[in-house]
Amino acid sequence: ETMIVLMASGNAAILSLSPTDSIRTFSATIAAELGEVVVGSPHYHVL
């Protein structure tokens, strides 16, 4: 799932076990960054 976690998770890449911390997921990362990334860049290929 993409849109729900993109809007409600906080989109902060925090590594913790607490469920009350903000998170960032794989799908939300792709949705948020792929539209603005430079095509062919390392960031592009990592996504």
All heavy atoms as atom14 arrays in JSON, in Angstrom:
{
  "sequence": "ETMIVLMASGNAAILSLSPTDSIRTFSATIAAELGEVVVGSPHYHVL",
  "atom14_mask": [
    [1, 1, 1, 1, 1, 1, 1, 1, 1, 0, 0, 0, 0, 0],
    [1, 1, 1, 1, 1, 1, 1, 0, 0, 0, 0, 0, 0, 0],
    [1, 1, 1, 1, 1, 1, 1, 1, 0, 0, 0, 0, 0, 0],
    [1, 1, 1, 1, 1, 1, 1, 1, 0, 0, 0, 0, 0, 0],
    [1, 1, 1, 1, 1, 1, 1, 0, 0, 0, 0, 0, 0, 0],
    [1, 1, 1, 1, 1, 1, 1, 1, 0, 0, 0, 0, 0, 0],
    [1, 1, 1, 1, 1, 1, 1, 1, 0, 0, 0, 0, 0, 0],
    [1, 1, 1, 1, 1, 0, 0, 0, 0, 0, 0, 0, 0, 0],
    [1, 1, 1, 1, 1, 1, 0, 0, 0, 0, 0, 0, 0, 0],
    [1, 1, 1, 1, 0, 0, 0, 0, 0, 0, 0, 0, 0, 0],
    [1, 1, 1, 1, 1, 1, 1, 1, 0, 0, 0, 0, 0, 0],
    [1, 1, 1, 1, 1, 0, 0, 0, 0, 0, 0, 0, 0, 0],
    [1, 1, 1, 1, 1, 0, 0, 0, 0, 0, 0, 0, 0, 0],
    [1, 1, 1, 1, 1, 1, 1, 1, 0, 0, 0, 0, 0, 0],
    [1, 1, 1, 1, 1, 1, 1, 1, 0, 0, 0, 0, 0, 0],
    [1, 1, 1, 1, 1, 1, 0, 0, 0, 0, 0, 0, 0, 0],
    [1, 1, 1, 1, 1, 1, 1, 1, 0, 0, 0, 0, 0, 0],
    [1, 1, 1, 1, 1, 1, 0, 0, 0, 0, 0, 0, 0, 0],
    [1, 1, 1, 1, 1, 1, 1, 0, 0, 0, 0, 0, 0, 0],
    [1, 1, 1, 1, 1, 1, 1, 0, 0, 0, 0, 0, 0, 0],
    [1, 1, 1, 1, 1, 1, 1, 1, 0, 0, 0, 0, 0, 0],
    [1, 1, 1, 1, 1, 1, 0, 0, 0, 0, 0, 0, 0, 0],
    [1, 1, 1, 1, 1, 1, 1, 1, 0, 0, 0, 0, 0, 0],
    [1, 1, 1, 1, 1, 1, 1, 1, 1, 1, 1, 0, 0, 0],
    [1, 1, 1, 1, 1, 1, 1, 0, 0, 0, 0, 0, 0, 0],
    [1, 1, 1, 1, 1, 1, 1, 1, 1, 1, 1, 0, 0, 0],
    [1, 1, 1, 1, 1, 1, 0, 0, 0, 0, 0, 0, 0, 0],
    [1, 1, 1, 1, 1, 0, 0, 0, 0, 0, 0, 0, 0, 0],
    [1, 1, 1, 1, 1, 1, 1, 0, 0, 0, 0, 0, 0, 0],
    [1, 1, 1, 1, 1, 1, 1, 1, 0, 0, 0, 0, 0, 0],
    [1, 1, 1, 1, 1, 0, 0, 0, 0, 0, 0, 0, 0, 0],
    [1, 1, 1, 1, 1, 0, 0, 0, 0, 0, 0, 0, 0, 0],
    [1, 1, 1, 1, 1, 1, 1, 1, 1, 0, 0, 0, 0, 0],
    [1, 1, 1, 1, 1, 1, 1, 1, 0, 0, 0, 0, 0, 0],
    [1, 1, 1, 1, 0, 0, 0, 0, 0, 0, 0, 0, 0, 0],
    [1, 1, 1, 1, 1, 1, 1, 1, 1, 0, 0, 0, 0, 0],
    [1, 1, 1, 1, 1, 1, 1, 0, 0, 0, 0, 0, 0, 0],
    [1, 1, 1, 1, 1, 1, 1, 0, 0, 0, 0, 0, 0, 0],
    [1, 1, 1, 1, 1, 1, 1, 0, 0, 0, 0, 0, 0, 0],
    [1, 1, 1, 1, 0, 0, 0, 0, 0, 0, 0, 0, 0, 0],
    [1, 1, 1, 1, 1, 1, 0, 0, 0, 0, 0, 0, 0, 0],
    [1, 1, 1, 1, 1, 1, 1, 0, 0, 0, 0, 0, 0, 0],
    [1, 1, 1, 1, 1, 1, 1, 1, 1, 1, 0, 0, 0, 0],
    [1, 1, 1, 1, 1, 1, 1, 1, 1, 1, 1, 1, 0, 0],
    [1, 1, 1, 1, 1, 1, 1, 1, 1, 1, 0, 0, 0, 0],
    [1, 1, 1, 1, 1, 1, 1, 0, 0, 0, 0, 0, 0, 0],
    [1, 1, 1, 1, 1, 1, 1, 1, 0, 0, 0, 0, 0, 0]
  ],
  "atom14_positions": [
    [[0.83, -1.2, 0.0], [0.0, 0.0, 0.0], [0.87, 1.26, 0.0], [1.92, 1.32, 0.64], [-0.92, -0.01, 1.21], [-1.7, 1.27, 1.42], [-2.56, 1.64, 0.21], [-3.13, 0.73, -0.43], [-2.64, 2.84, -0.09], [0.0, 0.0, 0.0], [0.0, 0.0, 0.0], [0.0, 0.0, 0.0], [0.0, 0.0, 0.0], [0.0, 0.0, 0.0]],
    [[0.41, 2.29, -0.71], [1.21, 3.49, -0.88], [0.58, 4.74, -0.25], [1.15, 5.37, 0.64], [1.46, 3.76, -2.37], [2.13, 2.63, -2.95], [2.33, 4.99, -2.56], [0.0, 0.0, 0.0], [0.0, 0.0, 0.0], [0.0, 0.0, 0.0], [0.0, 0.0, 0.0], [0.0, 0.0, 0.0], [0.0, 0.0, 0.0], [0.0, 0.0, 0.0]],
    [[-0.63, 5.09, -0.7], [-1.19, 6.4, -0.35], [-1.48, 6.54, 1.14], [-1.24, 7.6, 1.72], [-2.47, 6.65, -1.15], [-2.23, 6.95, -2.61], [-1.05, 8.31, -2.89], [-1.86, 9.65, -2.03], [0.0, 0.0, 0.0], [0.0, 0.0, 0.0], [0.0, 0.0, 0.0], [0.0, 0.0, 0.0], [0.0, 0.0, 0.0], [0.0, 0.0, 0.0]],
    [[-1.99, 5.49, 1.77], [-2.33, 5.6, 3.19], [-1.08, 5.85, 4.03], [-1.04, 6.76, 4.87], [-3.06, 4.33, 3.66], [-4.4, 4.2, 2.93], [-3.29, 4.36, 5.16], [-5.15, 2.92, 3.24], [0.0, 0.0, 0.0], [0.0, 0.0, 0.0], [0.0, 0.0, 0.0], [0.0, 0.0, 0.0], [0.0, 0.0, 0.0], [0.0, 0.0, 0.0]],
    [[-0.03, 5.05, 3.79], [1.2, 5.24, 4.57], [1.93, 6.51, 4.16], [2.62, 7.13, 4.99], [2.12, 4.01, 4.42], [1.49, 2.79, 5.07], [2.42, 3.71, 2.97], [0.0, 0.0, 0.0], [0.0, 0.0, 0.0], [0.0, 0.0, 0.0], [0.0, 0.0, 0.0], [0.0, 0.0, 0.0], [0.0, 0.0, 0.0], [0.0, 0.0, 0.0]],
    [[1.79, 6.94, 2.93], [2.42, 8.18, 2.5], [1.84, 9.38, 3.23], [2.56, 10.32, 3.58], [2.25, 8.35, 0.99], [2.87, 9.6, 0.36], [4.38, 9.59, 0.51], [2.49, 9.7, -1.12], [0.0, 0.0, 0.0], [0.0, 0.0, 0.0], [0.0, 0.0, 0.0], [0.0, 0.0, 0.0], [0.0, 0.0, 0.0], [0.0, 0.0, 0.0]],
    [[0.53, 9.34, 3.5], [-0.14, 10.48, 4.12], [-0.2, 10.4, 5.64], [-0.28, 11.44, 6.31], [-1.57, 10.59, 3.57], [-1.65, 10.78, 2.07], [-3.34, 10.82, 1.44], [-3.91, 12.36, 2.11], [0.0, 0.0, 0.0], [0.0, 0.0, 0.0], [0.0, 0.0, 0.0], [0.0, 0.0, 0.0], [0.0, 0.0, 0.0], [0.0, 0.0, 0.0]],
    [[-0.16, 9.21, 6.22], [-0.43, 9.07, 7.65], [0.73, 8.56, 8.48], [0.58, 8.41, 9.69], [-1.62, 8.13, 7.86], [0.0, 0.0, 0.0], [0.0, 0.0, 0.0], [0.0, 0.0, 0.0], [0.0, 0.0, 0.0], [0.0, 0.0, 0.0], [0.0, 0.0, 0.0], [0.0, 0.0, 0.0], [0.0, 0.0, 0.0], [0.0, 0.0, 0.0]],
    [[1.88, 8.3, 7.87], [2.98, 7.69, 8.63], [4.02, 8.69, 9.11], [4.87, 8.36, 9.94], [3.68, 6.63, 7.77], [4.28, 7.24, 6.63], [0.0, 0.0, 0.0], [0.0, 0.0, 0.0], [0.0, 0.0, 0.0], [0.0, 0.0, 0.0], [0.0, 0.0, 0.0], [0.0, 0.0, 0.0], [0.0, 0.0, 0.0], [0.0, 0.0, 0.0]],
    [[4.0, 9.91, 8.6], [5.0, 10.9, 8.98], [6.19, 10.97, 8.06], [6.93, 11.96, 8.04], [0.0, 0.0, 0.0], [0.0, 0.0, 0.0], [0.0, 0.0, 0.0], [0.0, 0.0, 0.0], [0.0, 0.0, 0.0], [0.0, 0.0, 0.0], [0.0, 0.0, 0.0], [0.0, 0.0, 0.0], [0.0, 0.0, 0.0], [0.0, 0.0, 0.0]],
    [[6.46, 9.9, 7.3], [7.53, 9.86, 6.3], [8.89, 10.24, 6.87], [9.66, 10.98, 6.25], [7.19, 10.76, 5.11], [6.14, 10.15, 4.21], [6.2, 8.96, 3.91], [5.17, 10.94, 3.81], [0.0, 0.0, 0.0], [0.0, 0.0, 0.0], [0.0, 0.0, 0.0], [0.0, 0.0, 0.0], [0.0, 0.0, 0.0], [0.0, 0.0, 0.0]],
    [[9.19, 9.75, 8.05], [10.5, 9.96, 8.67], [11.19, 8.61, 8.79], [10.65, 7.69, 9.41], [10.36, 10.62, 10.03], [0.0, 0.0, 0.0], [0.0, 0.0, 0.0], [0.0, 0.0, 0.0], [0.0, 0.0, 0.0], [0.0, 0.0, 0.0], [0.0, 0.0, 0.0], [0.0, 0.0, 0.0], [0.0, 0.0, 0.0], [0.0, 0.0, 0.0]],
    [[12.35, 8.49, 8.2], [13.08, 7.21, 8.2], [13.78, 7.04, 9.54], [15.0, 7.23, 9.67], [14.07, 7.17, 7.05], [0.0, 0.0, 0.0], [0.0, 0.0, 0.0], [0.0, 0.0, 0.0], [0.0, 0.0, 0.0], [0.0, 0.0, 0.0], [0.0, 0.0, 0.0], [0.0, 0.0, 0.0], [0.0, 0.0, 0.0], [0.0, 0.0, 0.0]],
    [[13.02, 6.68, 10.55], [13.53, 6.5, 11.91], [13.61, 5.0, 12.2], [12.63, 4.28, 12.05], [12.62, 7.2, 12.94], [12.57, 8.7, 12.66], [13.11, 6.94, 14.36], [11.59, 9.45, 13.55], [0.0, 0.0, 0.0], [0.0, 0.0, 0.0], [0.0, 0.0, 0.0], [0.0, 0.0, 0.0], [0.0, 0.0, 0.0], [0.0, 0.0, 0.0]],
    [[14.76, 4.56, 12.65], [14.95, 3.16, 12.98], [14.7, 2.97, 14.48], [15.52, 3.33, 15.32], [16.36, 2.69, 12.63], [16.67, 1.21, 12.88], [15.75, 0.31, 12.06], [18.13, 0.91, 12.57], [0.0, 0.0, 0.0], [0.0, 0.0, 0.0], [0.0, 0.0, 0.0], [0.0, 0.0, 0.0], [0.0, 0.0, 0.0], [0.0, 0.0, 0.0]],
    [[13.52, 2.45, 14.82], [13.17, 2.22, 16.21], [12.1, 1.14, 16.28], [11.44, 0.83, 15.28], [12.65, 3.5, 16.87], [11.36, 3.82, 16.4], [0.0, 0.0, 0.0], [0.0, 0.0, 0.0], [0.0, 0.0, 0.0], [0.0, 0.0, 0.0], [0.0, 0.0, 0.0], [0.0, 0.0, 0.0], [0.0, 0.0, 0.0], [0.0, 0.0, 0.0]],
    [[11.92, 0.6, 17.46], [10.89, -0.42, 17.67], [9.58, 0.18, 18.18], [8.59, -0.53, 18.25], [11.39, -1.46, 18.69], [12.59, -2.3, 18.25], [13.02, -3.24, 19.37], [12.26, -3.1, 16.99], [0.0, 0.0, 0.0], [0.0, 0.0, 0.0], [0.0, 0.0, 0.0], [0.0, 0.0, 0.0], [0.0, 0.0, 0.0], [0.0, 0.0, 0.0]],
    [[9.59, 1.45, 18.53], [8.38, 2.07, 19.08], [7.34, 2.26, 17.98], [7.63, 2.87, 16.94], [8.71, 3.43, 19.71], [7.53, 4.09, 20.12], [0.0, 0.0, 0.0], [0.0, 0.0, 0.0], [0.0, 0.0, 0.0], [0.0, 0.0, 0.0], [0.0, 0.0, 0.0], [0.0, 0.0, 0.0], [0.0, 0.0, 0.0], [0.0, 0.0, 0.0]],
    [[6.11, 1.78, 18.18], [5.06, 1.98, 17.17], [4.53, 3.4, 17.11], [3.79, 3.73, 16.18], [3.96, 1.01, 17.61], [4.15, 0.87, 19.08], [5.63, 0.98, 19.32], [0.0, 0.0, 0.0], [0.0, 0.0, 0.0], [0.0, 0.0, 0.0], [0.0, 0.0, 0.0], [0.0, 0.0, 0.0], [0.0, 0.0, 0.0], [0.0, 0.0, 0.0]],
    [[4.91, 4.23, 18.07], [4.42, 5.62, 18.08], [5.39, 6.58, 17.42], [5.15, 7.79, 17.43], [4.14, 6.08, 19.52], [5.34, 6.0, 20.3], [3.07, 5.2, 20.15], [0.0, 0.0, 0.0], [0.0, 0.0, 0.0], [0.0, 0.0, 0.0], [0.0, 0.0, 0.0], [0.0, 0.0, 0.0], [0.0, 0.0, 0.0], [0.0, 0.0, 0.0]],
    [[6.48, 6.07, 16.87], [7.41, 6.92, 16.11], [6.98, 7.0, 14.66], [6.34, 6.09, 14.13], [8.83, 6.36, 16.18], [9.46, 6.56, 17.55], [8.97, 7.43, 18.3], [10.43, 5.84, 17.86], [0.0, 0.0, 0.0], [0.0, 0.0, 0.0], [0.0, 0.0, 0.0], [0.0, 0.0, 0.0], [0.0, 0.0, 0.0], [0.0, 0.0, 0.0]],
    [[7.34, 8.09, 14.02], [7.07, 8.22, 12.58], [7.91, 7.21, 11.82], [9.0, 6.81, 12.26], [7.38, 9.63, 12.11], [6.53, 10.58, 12.72], [0.0, 0.0, 0.0], [0.0, 0.0, 0.0], [0.0, 0.0, 0.0], [0.0, 0.0, 0.0], [0.0, 0.0, 0.0], [0.0, 0.0, 0.0], [0.0, 0.0, 0.0], [0.0, 0.0, 0.0]],
    [[7.42, 6.81, 10.67], [8.09, 5.79, 9.86], [8.11, 6.23, 8.4], [7.46, 7.21, 8.01], [7.4, 4.42, 9.97], [5.95, 4.53, 9.48], [7.46, 3.87, 11.37], [5.28, 3.21, 9.25], [0.0, 0.0, 0.0], [0.0, 0.0, 0.0], [0.0, 0.0, 0.0], [0.0, 0.0, 0.0], [0.0, 0.0, 0.0], [0.0, 0.0, 0.0]],
    [[8.83, 5.48, 7.62], [8.85, 5.66, 6.16], [8.93, 4.27, 5.54], [9.79, 3.47, 5.93], [10.03, 6.52, 5.72], [9.98, 6.96, 4.27], [11.18, 7.83, 3.94], [11.13, 8.34, 2.59], [10.61, 9.51, 2.24], [10.06, 10.28, 3.16], [10.61, 9.92, 0.99], [0.0, 0.0, 0.0], [0.0, 0.0, 0.0], [0.0, 0.0, 0.0]],
    [[8.1, 3.98, 4.6], [8.04, 2.65, 4.0], [8.66, 2.64, 2.61], [8.92, 3.7, 2.01], [6.58, 2.17, 3.9], [5.88, 3.0, 2.97], [5.89, 2.21, 5.25], [0.0, 0.0, 0.0], [0.0, 0.0, 0.0], [0.0, 0.0, 0.0], [0.0, 0.0, 0.0], [0.0, 0.0, 0.0], [0.0, 0.0, 0.0], [0.0, 0.0, 0.0]],
    [[8.88, 1.44, 2.08], [9.43, 1.3, 0.73], [8.51, 1.95, -0.31], [8.96, 2.73, -1.16], [9.61, -0.18, 0.4], [10.81, -0.81, 1.02], [10.8, -2.14, 1.43], [11.98, -0.09, 1.2], [11.91, -2.72, 1.99], [13.11, -0.66, 1.77], [13.06, -1.98, 2.16], [0.0, 0.0, 0.0], [0.0, 0.0, 0.0], [0.0, 0.0, 0.0]],
    [[7.24, 1.59, -0.26], [6.32, 2.08, -1.29], [6.15, 3.59, -1.21], [6.07, 4.27, -2.25], [4.96, 1.39, -1.13], [4.43, 1.59, 0.17], [0.0, 0.0, 0.0], [0.0, 0.0, 0.0], [0.0, 0.0, 0.0], [0.0, 0.0, 0.0], [0.0, 0.0, 0.0], [0.0, 0.0, 0.0], [0.0, 0.0, 0.0], [0.0, 0.0, 0.0]],
    [[6.08, 4.15, 0.0], [5.95, 5.6, 0.14], [7.19, 6.32, -0.35], [7.11, 7.41, -0.93], [5.67, 5.95, 1.6], [0.0, 0.0, 0.0], [0.0, 0.0, 0.0], [0.0, 0.0, 0.0], [0.0, 0.0, 0.0], [0.0, 0.0, 0.0], [0.0, 0.0, 0.0], [0.0, 0.0, 0.0], [0.0, 0.0, 0.0], [0.0, 0.0, 0.0]],
    [[8.35, 5.73, -0.14], [9.6, 6.33, -0.63], [9.62, 6.4, -2.14], [9.99, 7.43, -2.73], [10.8, 5.52, -0.11], [10.79, 5.51, 1.32], [12.1, 6.13, -0.6], [0.0, 0.0, 0.0], [0.0, 0.0, 0.0], [0.0, 0.0, 0.0], [0.0, 0.0, 0.0], [0.0, 0.0, 0.0], [0.0, 0.0, 0.0], [0.0, 0.0, 0.0]],
    [[9.21, 5.33, -2.79], [9.17, 5.32, -4.26], [8.18, 6.36, -4.76], [8.46, 7.13, -5.69], [8.79, 3.91, -4.76], [9.88, 2.91, -4.38], [8.6, 3.92, -6.28], [9.51, 1.47, -4.67], [0.0, 0.0, 0.0], [0.0, 0.0, 0.0], [0.0, 0.0, 0.0], [0.0, 0.0, 0.0], [0.0, 0.0, 0.0], [0.0, 0.0, 0.0]],
    [[6.99, 6.41, -4.16], [5.97, 7.34, -4.61], [6.38, 8.8, -4.4], [6.08, 9.66, -5.23], [4.66, 7.06, -3.88], [0.0, 0.0, 0.0], [0.0, 0.0, 0.0], [0.0, 0.0, 0.0], [0.0, 0.0, 0.0], [0.0, 0.0, 0.0], [0.0, 0.0, 0.0], [0.0, 0.0, 0.0], [0.0, 0.0, 0.0], [0.0, 0.0, 0.0]],
    [[7.05, 9.08, -3.3], [7.4, 10.46, -2.97], [8.6, 10.97, -3.76], [8.69, 12.17, -4.05], [7.68, 10.58, -1.47], [0.0, 0.0, 0.0], [0.0, 0.0, 0.0], [0.0, 0.0, 0.0], [0.0, 0.0, 0.0], [0.0, 0.0, 0.0], [0.0, 0.0, 0.0], [0.0, 0.0, 0.0], [0.0, 0.0, 0.0], [0.0, 0.0, 0.0]],
    [[9.53, 10.09, -4.13], [10.8, 10.55, -4.68], [11.0, 10.25, -6.16], [11.8, 10.93, -6.81], [11.96, 9.93, -3.88], [11.94, 10.3, -2.41], [13.07, 9.66, -1.62], [13.95, 9.03, -2.26], [13.08, 9.79, -0.39], [0.0, 0.0, 0.0], [0.0, 0.0, 0.0], [0.0, 0.0, 0.0], [0.0, 0.0, 0.0], [0.0, 0.0, 0.0]],
    [[10.31, 9.25, -6.7], [10.59, 8.86, -8.08], [10.19, 9.93, -9.08], [10.82, 10.06, -10.13], [9.87, 7.54, -8.4], [10.25, 6.86, -9.72], [11.74, 6.56, -9.76], [9.46, 5.59, -9.92], [0.0, 0.0, 0.0], [0.0, 0.0, 0.0], [0.0, 0.0, 0.0], [0.0, 0.0, 0.0], [0.0, 0.0, 0.0], [0.0, 0.0, 0.0]],
    [[9.17, 10.73, -8.78], [8.72, 11.75, -9.72], [9.68, 12.91, -9.86], [9.61, 13.65, -10.84], [0.0, 0.0, 0.0], [0.0, 0.0, 0.0], [0.0, 0.0, 0.0], [0.0, 0.0, 0.0], [0.0, 0.0, 0.0], [0.0, 0.0, 0.0], [0.0, 0.0, 0.0], [0.0, 0.0, 0.0], [0.0, 0.0, 0.0], [0.0, 0.0, 0.0]],
    [[10.59, 13.12, -8.88], [11.49, 14.27, -8.91], [12.96, 13.9, -9.02], [13.82, 14.77, -9.06], [11.28, 15.11, -7.64], [9.86, 15.66, -7.51], [9.67, 16.46, -6.25], [10.64, 16.55, -5.46], [8.57, 17.02, -6.04], [0.0, 0.0, 0.0], [0.0, 0.0, 0.0], [0.0, 0.0, 0.0], [0.0, 0.0, 0.0], [0.0, 0.0, 0.0]],
    [[13.25, 12.59, -9.07], [14.63, 12.16, -9.11], [15.2, 12.35, -10.51], [14.47, 12.33, -11.52], [14.72, 10.68, -8.68], [14.13, 9.77, -9.75], [16.16, 10.29, -8.37], [0.0, 0.0, 0.0], [0.0, 0.0, 0.0], [0.0, 0.0, 0.0], [0.0, 0.0, 0.0], [0.0, 0.0, 0.0], [0.0, 0.0, 0.0], [0.0, 0.0, 0.0]],
    [[16.52, 12.56, -10.59], [17.2, 12.7, -11.87], [17.33, 11.32, -12.51], [17.89, 10.39, -11.91], [18.59, 13.34, -11.69], [19.32, 13.42, -13.03], [18.46, 14.71, -11.06], [0.0, 0.0, 0.0], [0.0, 0.0, 0.0], [0.0, 0.0, 0.0], [0.0, 0.0, 0.0], [0.0, 0.0, 0.0], [0.0, 0.0, 0.0], [0.0, 0.0, 0.0]],
    [[16.81, 11.18, -13.72], [16.85, 9.89, -14.41], [18.3, 9.48, -14.68], [19.09, 10.27, -15.21], [16.06, 9.95, -15.73], [16.16, 8.64, -16.48], [14.6, 10.3, -15.46], [0.0, 0.0, 0.0], [0.0, 0.0, 0.0], [0.0, 0.0, 0.0], [0.0, 0.0, 0.0], [0.0, 0.0, 0.0], [0.0, 0.0, 0.0], [0.0, 0.0, 0.0]],
    [[18.62, 8.26, -14.32], [19.97, 7.74, -14.52], [20.92, 7.99, -13.37], [22.05, 7.49, -13.39], [0.0, 0.0, 0.0], [0.0, 0.0, 0.0], [0.0, 0.0, 0.0], [0.0, 0.0, 0.0], [0.0, 0.0, 0.0], [0.0, 0.0, 0.0], [0.0, 0.0, 0.0], [0.0, 0.0, 0.0], [0.0, 0.0, 0.0], [0.0, 0.0, 0.0]],
    [[20.49, 8.74, -12.36], [21.35, 9.0, -11.21], [21.39, 7.79, -10.29], [20.53, 6.9, -10.37], [20.83, 10.22, -10.45], [19.54, 9.95, -9.9], [0.0, 0.0, 0.0], [0.0, 0.0, 0.0], [0.0, 0.0, 0.0], [0.0, 0.0, 0.0], [0.0, 0.0, 0.0], [0.0, 0.0, 0.0], [0.0, 0.0, 0.0], [0.0, 0.0, 0.0]],
    [[22.34, 7.72, -9.36], [22.36, 6.62, -8.4], [21.07, 6.53, -7.58], [20.58, 5.44, -7.31], [23.57, 6.94, -7.52], [24.47, 7.73, -8.41], [23.55, 8.56, -9.27], [0.0, 0.0, 0.0], [0.0, 0.0, 0.0], [0.0, 0.0, 0.0], [0.0, 0.0, 0.0], [0.0, 0.0, 0.0], [0.0, 0.0, 0.0], [0.0, 0.0, 0.0]],
    [[20.55, 7.68, -7.2], [19.29, 7.72, -6.46], [18.17, 7.07, -7.27], [17.35, 6.3, -6.73], [18.95, 9.18, -6.13], [17.73, 9.35, -5.29], [17.09, 10.56, -5.15], [17.0, 8.46, -4.56], [16.04, 10.41, -4.36], [15.96, 9.15, -3.98], [0.0, 0.0, 0.0], [0.0, 0.0, 0.0], [0.0, 0.0, 0.0], [0.0, 0.0, 0.0]],
    [[18.11, 7.32, -8.54], [17.11, 6.76, -9.44], [17.18, 5.23, -9.45], [16.18, 4.54, -9.31], [17.34, 7.33, -10.84], [16.48, 6.75, -11.94], [15.2, 7.21, -12.18], [16.98, 5.72, -12.76], [14.43, 6.68, -13.21], [16.23, 5.2, -13.79], [14.95, 5.69, -14.01], [14.19, 5.15, -15.03], [0.0, 0.0, 0.0], [0.0, 0.0, 0.0]],
    [[18.39, 4.71, -9.59], [18.55, 3.26, -9.66], [18.3, 2.6, -8.3], [17.82, 1.46, -8.24], [19.94, 2.92, -10.17], [20.17, 3.33, -11.6], [19.49, 2.76, -12.66], [20.98, 4.27, -12.15], [19.87, 3.32, -13.8], [20.78, 4.23, -13.51], [0.0, 0.0, 0.0], [0.0, 0.0, 0.0], [0.0, 0.0, 0.0], [0.0, 0.0, 0.0]],
    [[18.6, 3.29, -7.2], [18.32, 2.74, -5.87], [16.81, 2.62, -5.67], [16.34, 1.63, -5.09], [18.95, 3.62, -4.78], [18.45, 3.18, -3.4], [20.47, 3.5, -4.83], [0.0, 0.0, 0.0], [0.0, 0.0, 0.0], [0.0, 0.0, 0.0], [0.0, 0.0, 0.0], [0.0, 0.0, 0.0], [0.0, 0.0, 0.0], [0.0, 0.0, 0.0]],
    [[16.04, 3.58, -6.14], [14.59, 3.49, -6.02], [14.04, 2.29, -6.79], [13.12, 1.6, -6.3], [13.94, 4.78, -6.53], [14.17, 6.04, -5.68], [13.5, 7.25, -6.33], [13.62, 5.85, -4.27], [0.0, 0.0, 0.0], [0.0, 0.0, 0.0], [0.0, 0.0, 0.0], [0.0, 0.0, 0.0], [0.0, 0.0, 0.0], [0.0, 0.0, 0.0]]
  ]
}
